[in-house]
C-alpha atoms as a PDB file:
ATOM      1  CA  MET A   1      13.423 -63.965 -12.079  1.00  0.00           C
ATOM      2  CA  ALA A   2      14.622 -63.757 -15.679  1.00  0.00           C
ATOM      3  CA  ALA A   3      18.283 -62.770 -15.906  1.00  0.00           C
ATOM      4  CA  GLU A   4      17.484 -59.835 -18.206  1.00  0.00           C
ATOM      5  CA  THR A   5      15.100 -58.095 -15.798  1.00  0.00           C
ATOM      6  CA  HIS A   6      15.294 -56.634 -12.312  1.00  0.00           C
ATOM      7  CA  TRP A   7      13.101 -54.748  -9.853  1.00  0.00           C
ATOM      8  CA  GLN A   8      13.392 -50.984  -9.639  1.00  0.00           C
ATOM      9  CA  PHE A   9      12.041 -49.359  -6.471  1.00  0.00           C
ATOM     10  CA  SER A  10      10.547 -46.028  -5.520  1.00  0.00           C
ATOM     11  CA  ILE A  11       8.516 -44.590  -2.649  1.00  0.00           C
ATOM     12  CA  VAL A  12       4.852 -43.662  -3.006  1.00  0.00           C
ATOM     13  CA  PRO A  13       4.725 -40.249  -1.299  1.00  0.00           C
ATOM     14  CA  GLY A  14       1.984 -38.557   0.663  1.00  0.00           C
ATOM     15  CA  CYS A  15       0.792 -41.521   2.737  1.00  0.00           C
ATOM     16  CA  PHE A  16       3.050 -41.582   5.800  1.00  0.00           C
ATOM     17  CA  LEU A  17       4.526 -38.757   7.829  1.00  0.00           C
ATOM     18  CA  GLN A  18       7.920 -40.449   7.950  1.00  0.00           C
ATOM     19  CA  SER A  19       8.378 -39.889   4.219  1.00  0.00           C
ATOM     20  CA  GLU A  20       7.655 -36.156   4.540  1.00  0.00           C
ATOM     21  CA  PRO A  21      10.762 -33.902   4.752  1.00  0.00           C
ATOM     22  CA  SER A  22       9.109 -31.808   7.465  1.00  0.00           C
ATOM     23  CA  THR A  23       8.883 -34.734   9.919  1.00  0.00           C
ATOM     24  CA  ASP A  24      11.636 -34.731  12.544  1.00  0.00           C
ATOM     25  CA  ALA A  25      12.752 -38.302  13.187  1.00  0.00           C
ATOM     26  CA  SER A  26      14.313 -37.403  16.532  1.00  0.00           C
ATOM     27  CA  THR A  27      10.961 -36.419  18.068  1.00  0.00           C
ATOM     28  CA  PHE A  28       8.538 -38.544  16.053  1.00  0.00           C
ATOM     29  CA  ASP A  29       6.357 -41.039  17.938  1.00  0.00           C
ATOM     30  CA  TYR A  30       4.939 -43.793  15.740  1.00  0.00           C
ATOM     31  CA  VAL A  31       2.590 -44.969  18.508  1.00  0.00           C
ATOM     32  CA  SER A  32       0.666 -41.720  19.076  1.00  0.00           C
ATOM     33  CA  SER A  33       0.636 -40.901  15.341  1.00  0.00           C
ATOM     34  CA  ASN A  34      -1.078 -44.128  14.199  1.00  0.00           C
ATOM     35  CA  PHE A  35       2.169 -45.441  12.703  1.00  0.00           C
ATOM     36  CA  GLY A  36       2.455 -42.145  10.793  1.00  0.00           C
ATOM     37  CA  LEU A  37      -0.548 -42.660   8.509  1.00  0.00           C
ATOM     38  CA  ILE A  38      -1.616 -39.317   7.004  1.00  0.00           C
ATOM     39  CA  PRO A  39      -5.402 -38.751   7.158  1.00  0.00           C
ATOM     40  CA  ARG A  40      -6.427 -38.080   3.559  1.00  0.00           C
ATOM     41  CA  THR A  41      -8.632 -39.059   0.668  1.00  0.00           C
ATOM     42  CA  TYR A  42      -7.413 -41.150  -2.266  1.00  0.00           C
ATOM     43  CA  PRO A  43      -8.416 -41.188  -5.935  1.00  0.00           C
ATOM     44  CA  THR A  44      -9.634 -44.757  -5.337  1.00  0.00           C
ATOM     45  CA  ASP A  45     -12.155 -43.765  -2.630  1.00  0.00           C
ATOM     46  CA  ASP A  46     -15.007 -43.761  -5.153  1.00  0.00           C
ATOM     47  CA  SER A  47     -14.714 -47.526  -5.491  1.00  0.00           C
ATOM     48  CA  LEU A  48     -14.846 -48.315  -1.786  1.00  0.00           C
ATOM     49  CA  PRO A  49     -17.440 -50.999  -0.969  1.00  0.00           C
ATOM     50  CA  ALA A  50     -20.992 -49.742  -1.282  1.00  0.00           C
ATOM     51  CA  ASN A  51     -21.814 -50.557   2.341  1.00  0.00           C
ATOM     52  CA  ALA A  52     -19.036 -48.269   3.548  1.00  0.00           C
ATOM     53  CA  THR A  53     -20.538 -44.943   2.570  1.00  0.00           C
ATOM     54  CA  THR A  54     -20.117 -42.737   5.616  1.00  0.00           C
ATOM     55  CA  THR A  55     -17.085 -41.317   7.309  1.00  0.00           C
ATOM     56  CA  THR A  56     -18.146 -43.099  10.503  1.00  0.00           C
ATOM     57  CA  THR A  57     -17.677 -46.508   8.900  1.00  0.00           C
ATOM     58  CA  ILE A  58     -14.645 -45.796   6.727  1.00  0.00           C
ATOM     59  CA  THR A  59     -11.363 -45.437   8.567  1.00  0.00           C
ATOM     60  CA  ASN A  60      -8.155 -43.895   7.266  1.00  0.00           C
ATOM     61  CA  TRP A  61      -6.654 -47.382   7.190  1.00  0.00           C
ATOM     62  CA  ASP A  62      -9.636 -48.601   5.129  1.00  0.00           C
ATOM     63  CA  ARG A  63      -8.931 -45.895   2.570  1.00  0.00           C
ATOM     64  CA  PHE A  64      -5.220 -46.662   2.444  1.00  0.00           C
ATOM     65  CA  ALA A  65      -5.669 -50.443   2.215  1.00  0.00           C
ATOM     66  CA  HIS A  66      -8.260 -50.076  -0.541  1.00  0.00           C
ATOM     67  CA  HIS A  67      -5.896 -47.758  -2.427  1.00  0.00           C
ATOM     68  CA  LEU A  68      -3.050 -50.279  -2.127  1.00  0.00           C
ATOM     69  CA  ARG A  69      -5.168 -53.172  -3.357  1.00  0.00           C
ATOM     70  CA  THR A  70      -6.712 -51.185  -6.166  1.00  0.00           C
ATOM     71  CA  LEU A  71      -3.290 -50.092  -7.403  1.00  0.00           C
ATOM     72  CA  ASN A  72      -2.161 -53.711  -7.545  1.00  0.00           C
ATOM     73  CA  ALA A  73      -5.385 -54.846  -9.228  1.00  0.00           C
ATOM     74  CA  THR A  74      -5.258 -52.185 -11.945  1.00  0.00           C
ATOM     75  CA  SER A  75      -1.534 -51.739 -12.577  1.00  0.00           C
ATOM     76  CA  ASP A  76       0.520 -53.330 -15.306  1.00  0.00           C
ATOM     77  CA  PRO A  77       1.665 -56.866 -14.324  1.00  0.00           C
ATOM     78  CA  SER A  78       5.238 -55.564 -14.197  1.00  0.00           C
ATOM     79  CA  VAL A  79       4.349 -53.255 -11.283  1.00  0.00           C
ATOM     80  CA  ARG A  80       3.750 -54.272  -7.662  1.00  0.00           C
ATOM     81  CA  TYR A  81       2.905 -52.154  -4.651  1.00  0.00           C
ATOM     82  CA  LYS A  82       3.699 -53.263  -1.106  1.00  0.00           C
ATOM     83  CA  ILE A  83       3.475 -51.729   2.340  1.00  0.00           C
ATOM     84  CA  LEU A  84       6.452 -52.817   4.426  1.00  0.00           C
ATOM     85  CA  PHE A  85       6.342 -52.370   8.197  1.00  0.00           C
ATOM     86  CA  LEU A  86      10.010 -52.152   9.195  1.00  0.00           C
ATOM     87  CA  GLY A  87      10.533 -52.776  12.903  1.00  0.00           C
ATOM     88  CA  ARG A  88      13.788 -52.221  14.758  1.00  0.00           C
ATOM     89  CA  HIS A  89      14.562 -54.609  17.605  1.00  0.00           C
ATOM     90  CA  GLY A  90      14.236 -53.422  21.190  1.00  0.00           C
ATOM     91  CA  GLU A  91      17.223 -52.320  23.243  1.00  0.00           C
ATOM     92  CA  GLY A  92      19.904 -54.992  23.572  1.00  0.00           C
ATOM     93  CA  ASP A  93      22.824 -55.433  25.944  1.00  0.00           C
ATOM     94  CA  HIS A  94      25.137 -54.154  23.208  1.00  0.00           C
ATOM     95  CA  ASN A  95      23.141 -50.914  22.921  1.00  0.00           C
ATOM     96  CA  VAL A  96      23.597 -50.322  26.648  1.00  0.00           C
ATOM     97  CA  ALA A  97      27.329 -50.953  26.379  1.00  0.00           C
ATOM     98  CA  GLU A  98      27.767 -48.530  23.487  1.00  0.00           C
ATOM     99  CA  ARG A  99      25.885 -45.875  25.417  1.00  0.00           C
ATOM    100  CA  THR A 100      27.947 -46.563  28.539  1.00  0.00           C
ATOM    101  CA  TYR A 101      31.413 -46.643  27.003  1.00  0.00           C
ATOM    102  CA  GLY A 102      30.860 -44.322  24.042  1.00  0.00           C
ATOM    103  CA  THR A 103      30.795 -45.231  20.361  1.00  0.00           C
ATOM    104  CA  GLU A 104      34.546 -44.852  19.839  1.00  0.00           C
ATOM    105  CA  LYS A 105      35.515 -47.262  22.622  1.00  0.00           C
ATOM    106  CA  TRP A 106      32.639 -49.561  21.714  1.00  0.00           C
ATOM    107  CA  ASP A 107      33.723 -49.857  18.092  1.00  0.00           C
ATOM    108  CA  SER A 108      37.453 -50.194  18.821  1.00  0.00           C
ATOM    109  CA  TYR A 109      37.392 -52.488  21.856  1.00  0.00           C
ATOM    110  CA  TYR A 110      34.227 -53.576  23.641  1.00  0.00           C
ATOM    111  CA  SER A 111      32.301 -54.633  20.537  1.00  0.00           C
ATOM    112  CA  LEU A 112      35.036 -57.188  19.789  1.00  0.00           C
ATOM    113  CA  LEU A 113      34.563 -58.965  23.128  1.00  0.00           C
ATOM    114  CA  PRO A 114      32.154 -61.854  23.707  1.00  0.00           C
ATOM    115  CA  SER A 115      30.817 -60.196  26.877  1.00  0.00           C
ATOM    116  CA  ASP A 116      31.084 -57.091  29.037  1.00  0.00           C
ATOM    117  CA  PRO A 117      34.109 -57.395  31.374  1.00  0.00           C
ATOM    118  CA  THR A 118      32.345 -55.220  33.957  1.00  0.00           C
ATOM    119  CA  THR A 119      28.747 -56.484  33.974  1.00  0.00           C
ATOM    120  CA  ASN A 120      29.240 -59.913  32.323  1.00  0.00           C
ATOM    121  CA  ALA A 121      26.389 -59.104  29.929  1.00  0.00           C
ATOM    122  CA  THR A 122      26.724 -61.241  26.812  1.00  0.00           C
ATOM    123  CA  PHE A 123      27.552 -59.397  23.592  1.00  0.00           C
ATOM    124  CA  HIS A 124      27.682 -62.400  21.244  1.00  0.00           C
ATOM    125  CA  ASP A 125      24.315 -62.480  19.462  1.00  0.00           C
ATOM    126  CA  ALA A 126      23.116 -59.991  22.070  1.00  0.00           C
ATOM    127  CA  HIS A 127      19.805 -60.421  23.883  1.00  0.00           C
ATOM    128  CA  LEU A 128      17.180 -57.842  24.748  1.00  0.00           C
ATOM    129  CA  THR A 129      17.359 -55.928  28.005  1.00  0.00           C
ATOM    130  CA  SER A 130      14.261 -55.560  30.175  1.00  0.00           C
ATOM    131  CA  LEU A 131      13.709 -52.181  28.503  1.00  0.00           C
ATOM    132  CA  GLY A 132      14.098 -53.797  25.095  1.00  0.00           C
ATOM    133  CA  LYS A 133      11.404 -56.316  25.927  1.00  0.00           C
ATOM    134  CA  SER A 134       9.169 -53.480  27.111  1.00  0.00           C
ATOM    135  CA  GLN A 135       9.733 -51.645  23.816  1.00  0.00           C
ATOM    136  CA  ALA A 136       8.656 -54.747  21.889  1.00  0.00           C
ATOM    137  CA  ARG A 137       5.533 -54.972  24.044  1.00  0.00           C
ATOM    138  CA  THR A 138       4.860 -51.318  23.227  1.00  0.00           C
ATOM    139  CA  ALA A 139       4.918 -52.275  19.535  1.00  0.00           C
ATOM    140  CA  HIS A 140       2.487 -55.104  20.306  1.00  0.00           C
ATOM    141  CA  ALA A 141       0.154 -52.637  22.030  1.00  0.00           C
ATOM    142  CA  ALA A 142       0.480 -50.201  19.122  1.00  0.00           C
ATOM    143  CA  TRP A 143      -0.619 -52.902  16.662  1.00  0.00           C
ATOM    144  CA  ARG A 144      -3.472 -53.962  18.923  1.00  0.00           C
ATOM    145  CA  ALA A 145      -4.689 -50.361  19.239  1.00  0.00           C
ATOM    146  CA  GLN A 146      -4.870 -50.040  15.441  1.00  0.00           C
ATOM    147  CA  LEU A 147      -6.800 -53.263  14.826  1.00  0.00           C
ATOM    148  CA  PRO A 148     -10.225 -51.672  15.495  1.00  0.00           C
ATOM    149  CA  HIS A 149      -9.296 -49.052  12.881  1.00  0.00           C
ATOM    150  CA  HIS A 150      -8.633 -51.809  10.321  1.00  0.00           C
ATOM    151  CA  ILE A 151      -4.882 -51.447   9.909  1.00  0.00           C
ATOM    152  CA  PRO A 152      -3.823 -53.914   7.180  1.00  0.00           C
ATOM    153  CA  THR A 153      -1.980 -56.621   9.094  1.00  0.00           C
ATOM    154  CA  PRO A 154       1.068 -58.376   7.650  1.00  0.00           C
ATOM    155  CA  GLU A 155       0.474 -61.286   5.335  1.00  0.00           C
ATOM    156  CA  SER A 156       4.169 -62.223   5.420  1.00  0.00           C
ATOM    157  CA  PHE A 157       6.521 -61.928   8.381  1.00  0.00           C
ATOM    158  CA  TYR A 158      10.301 -61.827   7.983  1.00  0.00           C
ATOM    159  CA  VAL A 159      12.883 -61.631  10.757  1.00  0.00           C
ATOM    160  CA  SER A 160      16.642 -61.312  11.099  1.00  0.00           C
ATOM    161  CA  PRO A 161      18.406 -64.429  12.453  1.00  0.00           C
ATOM    162  CA  LEU A 162      19.933 -62.459  15.336  1.00  0.00           C
ATOM    163  CA  ASN A 163      18.392 -63.146  18.723  1.00  0.00           C
ATOM    164  CA  ARG A 164      17.366 -59.576  19.545  1.00  0.00           C
ATOM    165  CA  CYS A 165      15.161 -59.540  16.442  1.00  0.00           C
ATOM    166  CA  LEU A 166      13.820 -63.059  16.941  1.00  0.00           C
ATOM    167  CA  GLU A 167      12.664 -62.080  20.440  1.00  0.00           C
ATOM    168  CA  THR A 168      11.355 -58.655  19.393  1.00  0.00           C
ATOM    169  CA  ALA A 169       9.232 -60.242  16.667  1.00  0.00           C
ATOM    170  CA  SER A 170       7.862 -62.783  19.107  1.00  0.00           C
ATOM    171  CA  LEU A 171       6.913 -60.177  21.725  1.00  0.00           C
ATOM    172  CA  THR A 172       5.437 -57.897  19.062  1.00  0.00           C
ATOM    173  CA  PHE A 173       3.218 -60.343  17.195  1.00  0.00           C
ATOM    174  CA  GLU A 174       2.527 -63.451  19.249  1.00  0.00           C
ATOM    175  CA  GLY A 175      -0.963 -63.342  20.716  1.00  0.00           C
ATOM    176  CA  LEU A 176      -2.054 -60.461  18.509  1.00  0.00           C
ATOM    177  CA  GLY A 177      -4.946 -62.546  17.262  1.00  0.00           C
ATOM    178  CA  VAL A 178      -4.463 -61.923  13.544  1.00  0.00           C
ATOM    179  CA  GLU A 179      -3.757 -64.394  10.776  1.00  0.00           C
ATOM    180  CA  GLY A 180      -0.173 -65.601  10.805  1.00  0.00           C
ATOM    181  CA  THR A 181       0.368 -65.105  14.532  1.00  0.00           C
ATOM    182  CA  GLN A 182      -1.410 -68.147  16.003  1.00  0.00           C
ATOM    183  CA  PRO A 183       1.074 -69.753  16.039  1.00  0.00           C
ATOM    184  CA  PHE A 184       3.532 -67.058  15.011  1.00  0.00           C
ATOM    185  CA  ARG A 185       5.682 -68.463  12.212  1.00  0.00           C
ATOM    186  CA  PRO A 186       7.891 -65.785  10.643  1.00  0.00           C
ATOM    187  CA  VAL A 187      10.501 -66.653   8.042  1.00  0.00           C
ATOM    188  CA  ILE A 188      14.106 -66.188   9.185  1.00  0.00           C
ATOM    189  CA  LYS A 189      16.060 -64.451   6.400  1.00  0.00           C
ATOM    190  CA  GLU A 190      19.861 -64.548   6.568  1.00  0.00           C
ATOM    191  CA  LEU A 191      20.265 -61.371   4.513  1.00  0.00           C
ATOM    192  CA  LEU A 192      18.017 -59.385   6.876  1.00  0.00           C
ATOM    193  CA  ARG A 193      20.723 -59.212   9.561  1.00  0.00           C
ATOM    194  CA  GLU A 194      22.713 -56.236  10.823  1.00  0.00           C
ATOM    195  CA  THR A 195      26.050 -55.043   9.393  1.00  0.00           C
ATOM    196  CA  ILE A 196      28.233 -58.155   9.315  1.00  0.00           C
ATOM    197  CA  GLY A 197      31.605 -58.677  10.956  1.00  0.00           C
ATOM    198  CA  LEU A 198      33.885 -57.681  13.862  1.00  0.00           C
ATOM    199  CA  HIS A 199      31.150 -56.843  16.393  1.00  0.00           C
ATOM    200  CA  THR A 200      30.344 -60.050  18.257  1.00  0.00           C
ATOM    201  CA  CYS A 201      26.750 -58.881  18.753  1.00  0.00           C
ATOM    202  CA  ASP A 202      26.323 -59.313  14.997  1.00  0.00           C
ATOM    203  CA  SER A 203      27.437 -62.949  14.995  1.00  0.00           C
ATOM    204  CA  ARG A 204      24.406 -65.235  15.018  1.00  0.00           C
ATOM    205  CA  SER A 205      23.746 -68.409  16.951  1.00  0.00           C
ATOM    206  CA  THR A 206      23.653 -71.791  15.232  1.00  0.00           C
ATOM    207  CA  LYS A 207      20.585 -72.998  13.412  1.00  0.00           C
ATOM    208  CA  THR A 208      20.138 -75.668  16.075  1.00  0.00           C
ATOM    209  CA  GLU A 209      20.196 -73.075  18.876  1.00  0.00           C
ATOM    210  CA  ILE A 210      17.749 -70.796  17.071  1.00  0.00           C
ATOM    211  CA  SER A 211      15.389 -73.691  16.381  1.00  0.00           C
ATOM    212  CA  ALA A 212      15.462 -74.749  20.040  1.00  0.00           C
ATOM    213  CA  ALA A 213      14.604 -71.229  21.223  1.00  0.00           C
ATOM    214  CA  TYR A 214      11.994 -70.505  18.525  1.00  0.00           C
ATOM    215  CA  PRO A 215      10.615 -73.866  17.361  1.00  0.00           C
ATOM    216  CA  SER A 216       7.700 -72.382  15.406  1.00  0.00           C
ATOM    217  CA  TYR A 217       9.890 -70.117  13.275  1.00  0.00           C
ATOM    218  CA  ILE A 218      10.577 -71.070   9.658  1.00  0.00           C
ATOM    219  CA  PHE A 219      14.089 -71.089   8.197  1.00  0.00           C
ATOM    220  CA  GLU A 220      14.335 -69.919   4.614  1.00  0.00           C
ATOM    221  CA  PRO A 221      15.642 -72.558   2.167  1.00  0.00           C
ATOM    222  CA  GLY A 222      19.412 -72.918   2.338  1.00  0.00           C
ATOM    223  CA  PHE A 223      19.801 -71.582   5.885  1.00  0.00           C
ATOM    224  CA  VAL A 224      22.971 -73.243   7.175  1.00  0.00           C
ATOM    225  CA  GLU A 225      23.903 -74.472  10.652  1.00  0.00           C
ATOM    226  CA  ASN A 226      26.828 -72.162  11.405  1.00  0.00           C
ATOM    227  CA  ASP A 227      27.266 -68.455  10.763  1.00  0.00           C
ATOM    228  CA  GLU A 228      29.378 -68.518   7.614  1.00  0.00           C
ATOM    229  CA  ARG A 229      28.949 -64.810   6.897  1.00  0.00           C
ATOM    230  CA  TYR A 230      30.450 -63.414  10.087  1.00  0.00           C
ATOM    231  CA  SER A 231      34.145 -62.416  10.082  1.00  0.00           C
ATOM    232  CA  ALA A 232      36.099 -61.673  13.247  1.00  0.00           C
ATOM    233  CA  THR A 233      38.636 -59.618  11.276  1.00  0.00           C
ATOM    234  CA  LEU A 234      36.597 -57.692   8.675  1.00  0.00           C
ATOM    235  CA  ARG A 235      33.427 -55.600   8.803  1.00  0.00           C
ATOM    236  CA  GLU A 236      30.956 -55.024   5.991  1.00  0.00           C
ATOM    237  CA  SER A 237      30.997 -51.537   4.477  1.00  0.00           C
ATOM    238  CA  ASN A 238      27.799 -49.487   4.318  1.00  0.00           C
ATOM    239  CA  SER A 239      27.712 -49.738   0.524  1.00  0.00           C
ATOM    240  CA  ALA A 240      28.182 -53.522   0.645  1.00  0.00           C
ATOM    241  CA  ARG A 241      25.307 -53.658   3.125  1.00  0.00           C
ATOM    242  CA  ASP A 242      23.155 -51.594   0.740  1.00  0.00           C
ATOM    243  CA  LYS A 243      23.883 -54.088  -2.034  1.00  0.00           C
ATOM    244  CA  ARG A 244      22.948 -56.985   0.238  1.00  0.00           C
ATOM    245  CA  PHE A 245      19.577 -55.414   0.934  1.00  0.00           C
ATOM    246  CA  ARG A 246      19.024 -54.599  -2.719  1.00  0.00           C
ATOM    247  CA  ASP A 247      19.555 -58.308  -3.416  1.00  0.00           C
ATOM    248  CA  LEU A 248      17.154 -59.234  -0.611  1.00  0.00           C
ATOM    249  CA  MET A 249      14.422 -56.979  -1.985  1.00  0.00           C
ATOM    250  CA  GLN A 250      14.876 -58.404  -5.473  1.00  0.00           C
ATOM    251  CA  ASP A 251      14.098 -61.806  -3.935  1.00  0.00           C
ATOM    252  CA  VAL A 252      11.128 -60.551  -1.896  1.00  0.00           C
ATOM    253  CA  PHE A 253       9.436 -58.687  -4.741  1.00  0.00           C
ATOM    254  CA  GLU A 254       9.967 -61.523  -7.164  1.00  0.00           C
ATOM    255  CA  ASN A 255       8.836 -64.376  -4.957  1.00  0.00           C
ATOM    256  CA  ASP A 256       6.385 -62.978  -2.409  1.00  0.00           C
ATOM    257  CA  PRO A 257       3.032 -61.898  -3.912  1.00  0.00           C
ATOM    258  CA  MET A 258       1.725 -60.555  -0.593  1.00  0.00           C
ATOM    259  CA  GLU A 259       0.925 -56.852  -0.309  1.00  0.00           C
ATOM    260  CA  VAL A 260       1.542 -56.253   3.415  1.00  0.00           C
ATOM    261  CA  LEU A 261       4.872 -57.353   4.884  1.00  0.00           C
ATOM    262  CA  SER A 262       6.546 -57.135   8.278  1.00  0.00           C
ATOM    263  CA  LEU A 263      10.341 -57.107   8.565  1.00  0.00           C
ATOM    264  CA  THR A 264      11.924 -57.136  12.025  1.00  0.00           C
ATOM    265  CA  ALA A 265      15.519 -56.016  11.694  1.00  0.00           C
ATOM    266  CA  HIS A 266      18.199 -53.552  12.831  1.00  0.00           C
ATOM    267  CA  SER A 267      19.128 -49.889  12.545  1.00  0.00           C
ATOM    268  CA  GLY A 268      21.767 -50.491   9.861  1.00  0.00           C
ATOM    269  CA  ALA A 269      19.468 -52.865   8.007  1.00  0.00           C
ATOM    270  CA  ILE A 270      16.625 -50.346   7.973  1.00  0.00           C
ATOM    271  CA  THR A 271      19.006 -47.580   6.883  1.00  0.00           C
ATOM    272  CA  SER A 272      20.000 -49.715   3.895  1.00  0.00           C
ATOM    273  CA  LEU A 273      16.409 -50.651   3.065  1.00  0.00           C
ATOM    274  CA  LEU A 274      15.412 -46.982   3.005  1.00  0.00           C
ATOM    275  CA  ASN A 275      18.387 -46.289   0.723  1.00  0.00           C
ATOM    276  CA  VAL A 276      17.343 -49.095  -1.627  1.00  0.00           C
ATOM    277  CA  PHE A 277      13.796 -47.737  -1.838  1.00  0.00           C
ATOM    278  CA  GLY A 278      14.859 -44.120  -2.289  1.00  0.00           C
ATOM    279  CA  HIS A 279      13.276 -43.107   1.019  1.00  0.00           C
ATOM    280  CA  ARG A 280      14.673 -40.239   3.056  1.00  0.00           C
ATOM    281  CA  ARG A 281      16.897 -41.197   5.974  1.00  0.00           C
ATOM    282  CA  PHE A 282      14.800 -41.804   9.081  1.00  0.00           C
ATOM    283  CA  ASP A 283      16.603 -43.052  12.174  1.00  0.00           C
ATOM    284  CA  LEU A 284      14.490 -45.289  14.406  1.00  0.00           C
ATOM    285  CA  GLU A 285      14.781 -45.600  18.153  1.00  0.00           C
ATOM    286  CA  THR A 286      15.170 -49.129  19.510  1.00  0.00           C
ATOM    287  CA  GLY A 287      11.781 -50.795  19.222  1.00  0.00           C
ATOM    288  CA  GLY A 288      10.552 -48.275  16.634  1.00  0.00           C
ATOM    289  CA  VAL A 289       8.478 -49.077  13.544  1.00  0.00           C
ATOM    290  CA  ILE A 290       8.288 -47.314  10.181  1.00  0.00           C
ATOM    291  CA  PRO A 291       5.806 -48.178   7.400  1.00  0.00           C
ATOM    292  CA  VAL A 292       7.188 -47.755   3.877  1.00  0.00           C
ATOM    293  CA  PHE A 293       4.890 -47.699   0.839  1.00  0.00           C
ATOM    294  CA  VAL A 294       6.955 -49.094  -2.030  1.00  0.00           C
ATOM    295  CA  ARG A 295       6.372 -49.287  -5.762  1.00  0.00           C
ATOM    296  CA  GLY A 296       8.369 -51.976  -7.516  1.00  0.00           C
ATOM    297  CA  GLU A 297       8.623 -52.195 -11.286  1.00  0.00           C
ATOM    298  CA  ARG A 298      10.213 -55.028 -13.198  1.00  0.00           C
ATOM    299  CA  VAL A 299      12.393 -53.445 -15.876  1.00  0.00           C
ATOM    300  CA  ARG A 300      14.550 -54.846 -18.641  1.00  0.00           C
ATOM    301  CA  GLY A 301      18.251 -55.306 -18.127  1.00  0.00           C
ATOM    302  CA  GLY A 302      20.439 -56.697 -15.404  1.00  0.00           C
ATOM    303  CA  LEU A 303      20.858 -55.012 -12.054  1.00  0.00           C
ATOM    304  CA  PRO A 304      22.891 -51.802 -12.339  1.00  0.00           C
ATOM    305  CA  VAL A 305      26.427 -52.096 -11.034  1.00  0.00           C
ATOM    306  CA  MET A 306      26.740 -50.578  -7.562  1.00  0.00           C
ATOM    307  CA  ARG A 307      29.911 -48.896  -6.358  1.00  0.00           C
ATOM    308  CA  VAL A 308      30.692 -51.004  -3.302  1.00  0.00           C
ATOM    309  CA  GLU A 309      33.458 -50.212  -0.842  1.00  0.00           C
ATOM    310  CA  PRO A 310      35.366 -53.279   0.377  1.00  0.00           C
ATOM    311  CA  TRP A 311      34.942 -54.713   3.848  1.00  0.00           C
ATOM    312  CA  PHE A 312      37.386 -53.138   6.307  1.00  0.00           C
ATOM    313  CA  SER A 313      39.367 -53.950   9.449  1.00  0.00           C
ATOM    314  CA  LEU A 314      39.999 -51.758  12.474  1.00  0.00           C
END
């Protein structure tokens, strides 16, 4: 990307219920609501393929996908539209511990330990619980249920390097029977991880360990053996996390021409991504998925300076 340009992001409204202010995140069910897709017509419907002329052969996903592709085909070269399916990992051992001990005690004491002194559950690079695995399988079933309705399936898959996301992505997409999942080979992105520092659950395994557990996964260029980002004494601020995800999206929009992307990540990561895109806050349950329809425009000038709070200690 030229040094004098950057990507500026905004949300395309009116396509998904999650972007509507009237939708209550605390009660919303992405599975029963078809991932939140709003049934509607689009100004591009007139150019749908000639053999799809009746409502019985055109699905709501057909209309949306055609609208997305038409926007990209007819827009200025400096503009790109993408649909990003943001998936939160299933429940992990650390989630259970926070619920058990309370957030205050979790943040100040238990999160700093390598494992639970009562149950011996491992916190370092925490794994999914049985419920967490079930939640990932629910996401798999949700995708499978939408395939007959022609949901646009991801053309690029990205995943956080933390184990709970690596496993969630595997359970969600392996065996789905769509391109890119046989074998399933997502790209592991270092910047896609959860808030960095202090909490041992947010310290990743080594590259060698990840490769042994997920041999088909692809490491992005420059992925190093040891976790050089994690600090046992400092934790990333929310604004620093936002900047990290702004940088990640600059990379994705500049270098990935695909229109449909899957990102398997974390609650804090998804919060920052929604902030970067200008989307309303929408808290996901463990295992939840939110589609985000993003417009990116390459504009002149360097990236605006962000006010970033420093990393902090307890």
